[in-house]
Amino acid sequence: MLQNHLRSMTEIRSVMNSMKTQAYMETRKLIRFAEAQRAVVESMETAAGELLSFYPEILPEVADSTTVFLAIGSERGLCGDFNRSLLQHLESAMETLKSPAATVIAVGTKLHQLLDGSPLPLIRLEGPSVVEETTDILNRVVENLLAVQSNKGPASLYSLYQAGENGVVAQRLLPPFQHLQHQPQRFPHPPMLNLTPSEFLVELTDQYLFAALNQMLYASLTEENHQRVAHLDEAVRHLDEESEELKRQSNALRQEEITEEIEIILLNAPVEQGPDAD
């Protein structure tokens, strides 16, 4: 019985170790993508900041509008409290912004499960499992955001996603570049443009939205796999400890069986009688 249990645990350990290795390799790949995408986003923010330092009046005003929360969870499990922590921050953000009727775009099946029964207007999208799937997810996010705006008018978009050591990050994406107001002028002359400043900002906003969403998906998927590696590593360590205990118990039982067999042999062995015996 113990041997069967030990064999099953060995097989489980092999599967979990393979999953851990796969998650680790995906993390290493994602880090490169995330760093490159972060550089793209930062360059766009720099350009927008330079533009707004000379033309602050072109920044769209924040007006009452439909509120949309984009929550990027995980498609797969075995990543600790990744989704539960995200949900807690989502609820907190909605309470802070007093947006009880906001639309939530929830990315990731495991996050959907936590939102079951929620009265919120909810758009459920599958999440990426590997980096190659992020482009398709990004397109579906944008399609649904445009559909909400078409039905309810201009939207304020807030994103929430896991970002490594920074934990859950909440960021406002629309209206764009609100965090770049009141930028000091670093250069004596405004940038040379082929478009009007307003037209340039609109064009930049479209590209920035795609770049920022991509960066968030990469960051979230990186952290998801990082937490999965840590979670599986702990599970494998626990299995190793339990396997060692089972081996110890199996050896102890075997020792008892051997001892019993020896005792039976000794009890059944004929007793030699000496020369003085009757």
Protein backbone atom coordinates (compact mmCIF):
# COMPACT_ATOMS: atom_id res chain seq x y z
CA MET A 1 0.00 0.00 0.00
CA LEU A 2 2.75 2.43 0.95
CA GLN A 3 4.72 1.47 -2.13
CA ASN A 4 1.73 2.25 -4.37
CA HIS A 5 1.26 5.61 -2.67
CA LEU A 6 4.96 6.35 -3.06
CA ARG A 7 4.87 5.52 -6.77
CA SER A 8 1.86 7.83 -7.25
CA MET A 9 3.62 10.67 -5.47
CA THR A 10 6.72 10.16 -7.61
CA GLU A 11 4.62 10.46 -10.75
CA ILE A 12 2.89 13.58 -9.43
CA ARG A 13 6.24 15.11 -8.55
CA SER A 14 7.51 14.49 -12.08
CA VAL A 15 4.47 16.24 -13.60
CA MET A 16 4.70 19.21 -11.23
CA ASN A 17 8.41 19.56 -11.80
CA SER A 18 7.82 19.64 -15.56
CA MET A 19 5.19 22.35 -15.09
CA LYS A 20 7.60 24.34 -12.93
CA THR A 21 10.32 24.09 -15.57
CA GLN A 22 7.91 25.20 -18.29
CA ALA A 23 6.77 28.20 -16.21
CA TYR A 24 10.38 29.16 -15.52
CA MET A 25 11.28 29.05 -19.22
CA GLU A 26 8.21 31.14 -20.09
CA THR A 27 9.21 33.68 -17.44
CA ARG A 28 12.69 34.08 -18.92
CA LYS A 29 11.19 34.62 -22.37
CA LEU A 30 8.59 37.10 -21.11
CA ILE A 31 11.15 39.21 -19.28
CA ARG A 32 12.80 40.10 -22.60
CA PHE A 33 9.47 41.04 -24.18
CA ALA A 34 8.38 43.03 -21.13
CA GLU A 35 11.59 45.05 -20.97
CA ALA A 36 11.40 45.94 -24.67
CA GLN A 37 7.74 46.91 -24.41
CA ARG A 38 8.38 49.00 -21.30
CA ALA A 39 11.00 50.96 -23.24
CA VAL A 40 8.46 51.63 -26.02
CA VAL A 41 5.87 52.89 -23.52
CA GLU A 42 8.41 55.13 -21.78
CA SER A 43 9.52 56.65 -25.09
CA MET A 44 5.91 57.47 -25.96
CA GLU A 45 5.33 59.04 -22.56
CA THR A 46 8.48 61.11 -23.02
CA ALA A 47 7.24 62.33 -26.40
CA ALA A 48 3.81 63.14 -24.98
CA GLY A 49 5.37 64.97 -22.05
CA GLU A 50 7.49 67.13 -24.36
CA LEU A 51 4.46 67.94 -26.48
CA LEU A 52 2.25 68.81 -23.51
CA SER A 53 4.92 71.02 -21.95
CA PHE A 54 4.40 73.38 -24.92
CA TYR A 55 0.72 72.69 -25.66
CA PRO A 56 -0.97 71.82 -22.35
CA GLU A 57 -4.35 72.97 -23.68
CA ILE A 58 -4.61 69.99 -26.07
CA LEU A 59 -4.87 67.49 -23.21
CA PRO A 60 -8.46 66.18 -23.06
CA GLU A 61 -10.38 67.29 -20.02
CA VAL A 62 -11.57 64.68 -17.56
CA ALA A 63 -15.36 64.74 -17.69
CA ASP A 64 -18.11 62.51 -16.35
CA SER A 65 -18.06 59.38 -18.46
CA THR A 66 -18.59 55.65 -18.39
CA THR A 67 -16.06 53.91 -16.17
CA VAL A 68 -14.43 50.72 -17.39
CA PHE A 69 -12.08 48.60 -15.31
CA LEU A 70 -9.71 46.23 -17.09
CA ALA A 71 -8.60 43.52 -14.66
CA ILE A 72 -5.90 41.21 -16.00
CA GLY A 73 -6.03 37.90 -14.16
CA SER A 74 -4.73 34.44 -15.05
CA GLU A 75 -6.01 31.84 -17.46
CA ARG A 76 -4.44 28.97 -15.52
CA GLY A 77 -4.14 28.15 -11.85
CA LEU A 78 -1.33 27.10 -9.53
CA CYS A 79 -0.19 30.69 -9.00
CA GLY A 80 -1.06 31.34 -5.37
CA ASP A 81 -3.33 34.30 -4.56
CA PHE A 82 -2.63 36.01 -7.90
CA ASN A 83 -6.31 36.45 -8.80
CA ARG A 84 -7.70 36.93 -5.32
CA SER A 85 -5.29 39.79 -4.64
CA LEU A 86 -6.25 41.38 -7.96
CA LEU A 87 -9.95 41.13 -7.10
CA GLN A 88 -9.39 42.81 -3.72
CA HIS A 89 -7.69 45.77 -5.43
CA LEU A 90 -10.48 45.95 -8.03
CA GLU A 91 -13.13 46.16 -5.31
CA SER A 92 -11.10 48.79 -3.47
CA ALA A 93 -10.62 50.88 -6.63
CA MET A 94 -14.33 50.76 -7.45
CA GLU A 95 -15.20 51.87 -3.93
CA THR A 96 -12.62 54.70 -4.02
CA LEU A 97 -13.82 55.98 -7.39
CA LYS A 98 -17.46 55.47 -6.40
CA SER A 99 -18.16 53.44 -9.53
CA PRO A 100 -20.60 50.74 -8.43
CA ALA A 101 -22.09 50.45 -11.93
CA ALA A 102 -18.80 50.34 -13.80
CA THR A 103 -18.20 47.83 -16.57
CA VAL A 104 -15.47 45.30 -15.81
CA ILE A 105 -13.45 43.63 -18.56
CA ALA A 106 -12.09 40.57 -16.79
CA VAL A 107 -9.22 38.76 -18.51
CA GLY A 108 -8.51 35.19 -17.39
CA THR A 109 -10.73 32.21 -16.61
CA LYS A 110 -9.47 31.87 -13.03
CA LEU A 111 -10.46 35.49 -12.34
CA HIS A 112 -13.89 34.82 -13.86
CA GLN A 113 -14.49 32.09 -11.31
CA LEU A 114 -13.99 34.58 -8.46
CA LEU A 115 -16.44 36.99 -10.11
CA ASP A 116 -19.24 34.43 -10.48
CA GLY A 117 -22.43 35.89 -9.09
CA SER A 118 -21.20 39.47 -9.34
CA PRO A 119 -23.97 41.99 -10.22
CA LEU A 120 -21.50 44.10 -12.22
CA PRO A 121 -21.72 44.47 -16.00
CA LEU A 122 -19.02 41.95 -16.78
CA ILE A 123 -17.17 41.15 -20.01
CA ARG A 124 -15.28 37.87 -19.76
CA LEU A 125 -12.24 37.30 -21.95
CA GLU A 126 -9.87 34.37 -21.94
CA GLY A 127 -6.37 35.25 -20.84
CA PRO A 128 -3.04 34.38 -22.44
CA SER A 129 -1.18 31.26 -21.35
CA VAL A 130 1.97 32.02 -23.36
CA VAL A 131 3.44 35.21 -24.78
CA GLU A 132 2.38 34.35 -28.34
CA GLU A 133 -1.30 34.67 -27.33
CA THR A 134 -1.10 38.24 -26.02
CA THR A 135 -1.73 39.94 -29.39
CA ASP A 136 -5.05 38.16 -29.86
CA ILE A 137 -6.10 39.00 -26.29
CA LEU A 138 -5.10 42.64 -26.81
CA ASN A 139 -7.25 42.90 -29.94
CA ARG A 140 -10.26 41.47 -28.11
CA VAL A 141 -9.78 43.90 -25.21
CA VAL A 142 -9.77 46.85 -27.61
CA GLU A 143 -12.79 45.51 -29.54
CA ASN A 144 -14.83 45.23 -26.35
CA LEU A 145 -13.70 48.63 -25.11
CA LEU A 146 -14.83 50.20 -28.40
CA ALA A 147 -18.16 48.36 -28.10
CA VAL A 148 -18.71 49.81 -24.61
CA GLN A 149 -17.88 53.30 -25.85
CA SER A 150 -20.21 52.85 -28.79
CA ASN A 151 -23.10 51.94 -26.46
CA LYS A 152 -22.39 54.22 -23.50
CA GLY A 153 -20.21 57.03 -24.82
CA PRO A 154 -16.60 58.02 -23.98
CA ALA A 155 -15.08 55.87 -21.25
CA SER A 156 -12.55 56.36 -18.51
CA LEU A 157 -10.39 53.24 -18.56
CA TYR A 158 -8.60 51.99 -15.46
CA SER A 159 -6.36 48.95 -15.65
CA LEU A 160 -5.33 46.67 -12.80
CA TYR A 161 -2.61 44.08 -13.20
CA GLN A 162 0.11 42.27 -11.28
CA ALA A 163 3.57 43.80 -11.75
CA GLY A 164 6.12 41.84 -9.75
CA GLU A 165 7.64 43.63 -6.76
CA ASN A 166 5.18 46.51 -7.24
CA GLY A 167 2.27 44.20 -6.52
CA VAL A 168 -1.06 45.10 -8.11
CA VAL A 169 -0.76 48.28 -10.17
CA ALA A 170 -3.80 50.46 -10.89
CA GLN A 171 -3.31 52.80 -13.84
CA ARG A 172 -5.57 55.19 -15.69
CA LEU A 173 -5.23 54.83 -19.47
CA LEU A 174 -8.15 56.89 -20.75
CA PRO A 175 -8.36 59.86 -20.97
CA PRO A 176 -4.66 59.54 -21.83
CA PHE A 177 -1.56 61.16 -20.32
CA GLN A 178 -3.34 62.70 -17.32
CA HIS A 179 -0.23 62.01 -15.23
CA LEU A 180 1.81 64.20 -17.60
CA GLN A 181 0.07 67.48 -16.84
CA HIS A 182 2.15 70.53 -15.95
CA GLN A 183 5.34 69.22 -17.51
CA PRO A 184 8.26 71.69 -17.41
CA GLN A 185 9.77 72.67 -20.75
CA ARG A 186 13.16 71.03 -21.18
CA PHE A 187 13.91 72.58 -24.57
CA PRO A 188 13.71 76.19 -25.82
CA HIS A 189 11.62 75.31 -28.90
CA PRO A 190 8.52 73.14 -29.39
CA PRO A 191 8.85 69.87 -31.32
CA MET A 192 8.62 70.06 -35.11
CA LEU A 193 5.47 68.29 -36.30
CA ASN A 194 3.86 67.43 -39.62
CA LEU A 195 0.48 67.41 -37.88
CA THR A 196 -1.19 69.88 -35.62
CA PRO A 197 -0.42 69.24 -31.92
CA SER A 198 -3.98 68.01 -31.34
CA GLU A 199 -3.87 65.62 -34.29
CA PHE A 200 -0.47 64.34 -33.21
CA LEU A 201 -1.76 63.67 -29.69
CA VAL A 202 -4.73 61.70 -31.07
CA GLU A 203 -2.42 59.57 -33.23
CA LEU A 204 -0.02 59.06 -30.35
CA THR A 205 -2.88 58.09 -28.02
CA ASP A 206 -3.95 55.21 -30.28
CA GLN A 207 -0.43 53.80 -30.44
CA TYR A 208 0.16 54.42 -26.74
CA LEU A 209 -2.99 52.53 -25.75
CA PHE A 210 -1.89 49.43 -27.67
CA ALA A 211 1.68 49.66 -26.35
CA ALA A 212 0.59 50.18 -22.74
CA LEU A 213 -1.92 47.32 -22.85
CA ASN A 214 0.73 45.06 -24.35
CA GLN A 215 3.16 46.01 -21.61
CA MET A 216 0.55 45.24 -18.95
CA LEU A 217 -0.25 41.84 -20.45
CA TYR A 218 3.46 40.99 -20.56
CA ALA A 219 4.01 42.18 -16.99
CA SER A 220 0.98 40.26 -15.72
CA LEU A 221 1.91 37.04 -17.51
CA THR A 222 5.49 37.33 -16.27
CA GLU A 223 4.37 37.69 -12.67
CA GLU A 224 1.81 34.89 -13.07
CA ASN A 225 4.52 32.48 -14.18
CA HIS A 226 6.88 33.74 -11.49
CA GLN A 227 4.28 32.99 -8.82
CA ARG A 228 3.56 29.63 -10.45
CA VAL A 229 7.26 28.70 -10.25
CA ALA A 230 7.34 29.64 -6.56
CA HIS A 231 4.06 27.81 -5.84
CA LEU A 232 5.13 24.62 -7.64
CA ASP A 233 8.59 24.74 -6.12
CA GLU A 234 7.02 24.75 -2.66
CA ALA A 235 4.66 21.93 -3.67
CA VAL A 236 7.53 19.82 -5.03
CA ARG A 237 9.51 20.42 -1.84
CA HIS A 238 6.50 19.30 0.22
CA LEU A 239 6.14 16.16 -1.92
CA ASP A 240 9.83 15.37 -1.45
CA GLU A 241 9.48 15.66 2.32
CA GLU A 242 6.36 13.47 2.32
CA SER A 243 8.06 10.94 0.04
CA GLU A 244 11.02 10.72 2.40
CA GLU A 245 8.63 10.11 5.29
CA LEU A 246 6.85 7.38 3.33
CA LYS A 247 10.19 5.76 2.50
CA ARG A 248 11.10 5.83 6.20
CA GLN A 249 7.76 4.24 7.12
CA SER A 250 8.14 1.66 4.34
CA ASN A 251 11.63 0.75 5.54
CA ALA A 252 10.40 0.50 9.13
CA LEU A 253 7.55 -1.80 8.06
CA ARG A 254 9.94 -3.91 6.03
CA GLN A 255 12.23 -4.19 9.02
CA GLU A 256 9.29 -5.35 11.15
CA GLU A 257 8.31 -7.90 8.50
CA ILE A 258 11.87 -9.24 8.36
CA THR A 259 12.00 -9.42 12.15
CA GLU A 260 8.70 -11.33 12.23
CA GLU A 261 9.93 -13.73 9.56
CA ILE A 262 13.11 -14.41 11.57
CA GLU A 263 11.07 -15.00 14.71
CA ILE A 264 8.81 -17.47 12.86
CA ILE A 265 11.82 -19.32 11.48
CA LEU A 266 13.38 -19.54 14.94
CA LEU A 267 10.13 -20.76 16.49
CA ASN A 268 9.70 -23.47 13.87
CA ALA A 269 13.32 -24.59 13.87
CA PRO A 270 14.01 -28.01 15.56
CA VAL A 271 15.79 -27.79 18.89
CA GLU A 272 19.01 -29.80 19.03
CA GLN A 273 19.24 -31.98 22.13
CA GLY A 274 22.54 -32.58 23.89
CA PRO A 275 24.10 -36.04 24.71
CA ASP A 276 22.69 -35.98 28.26
CA ALA A 277 19.14 -35.56 27.08
CA ASP A 278 16.73 -38.41 27.89
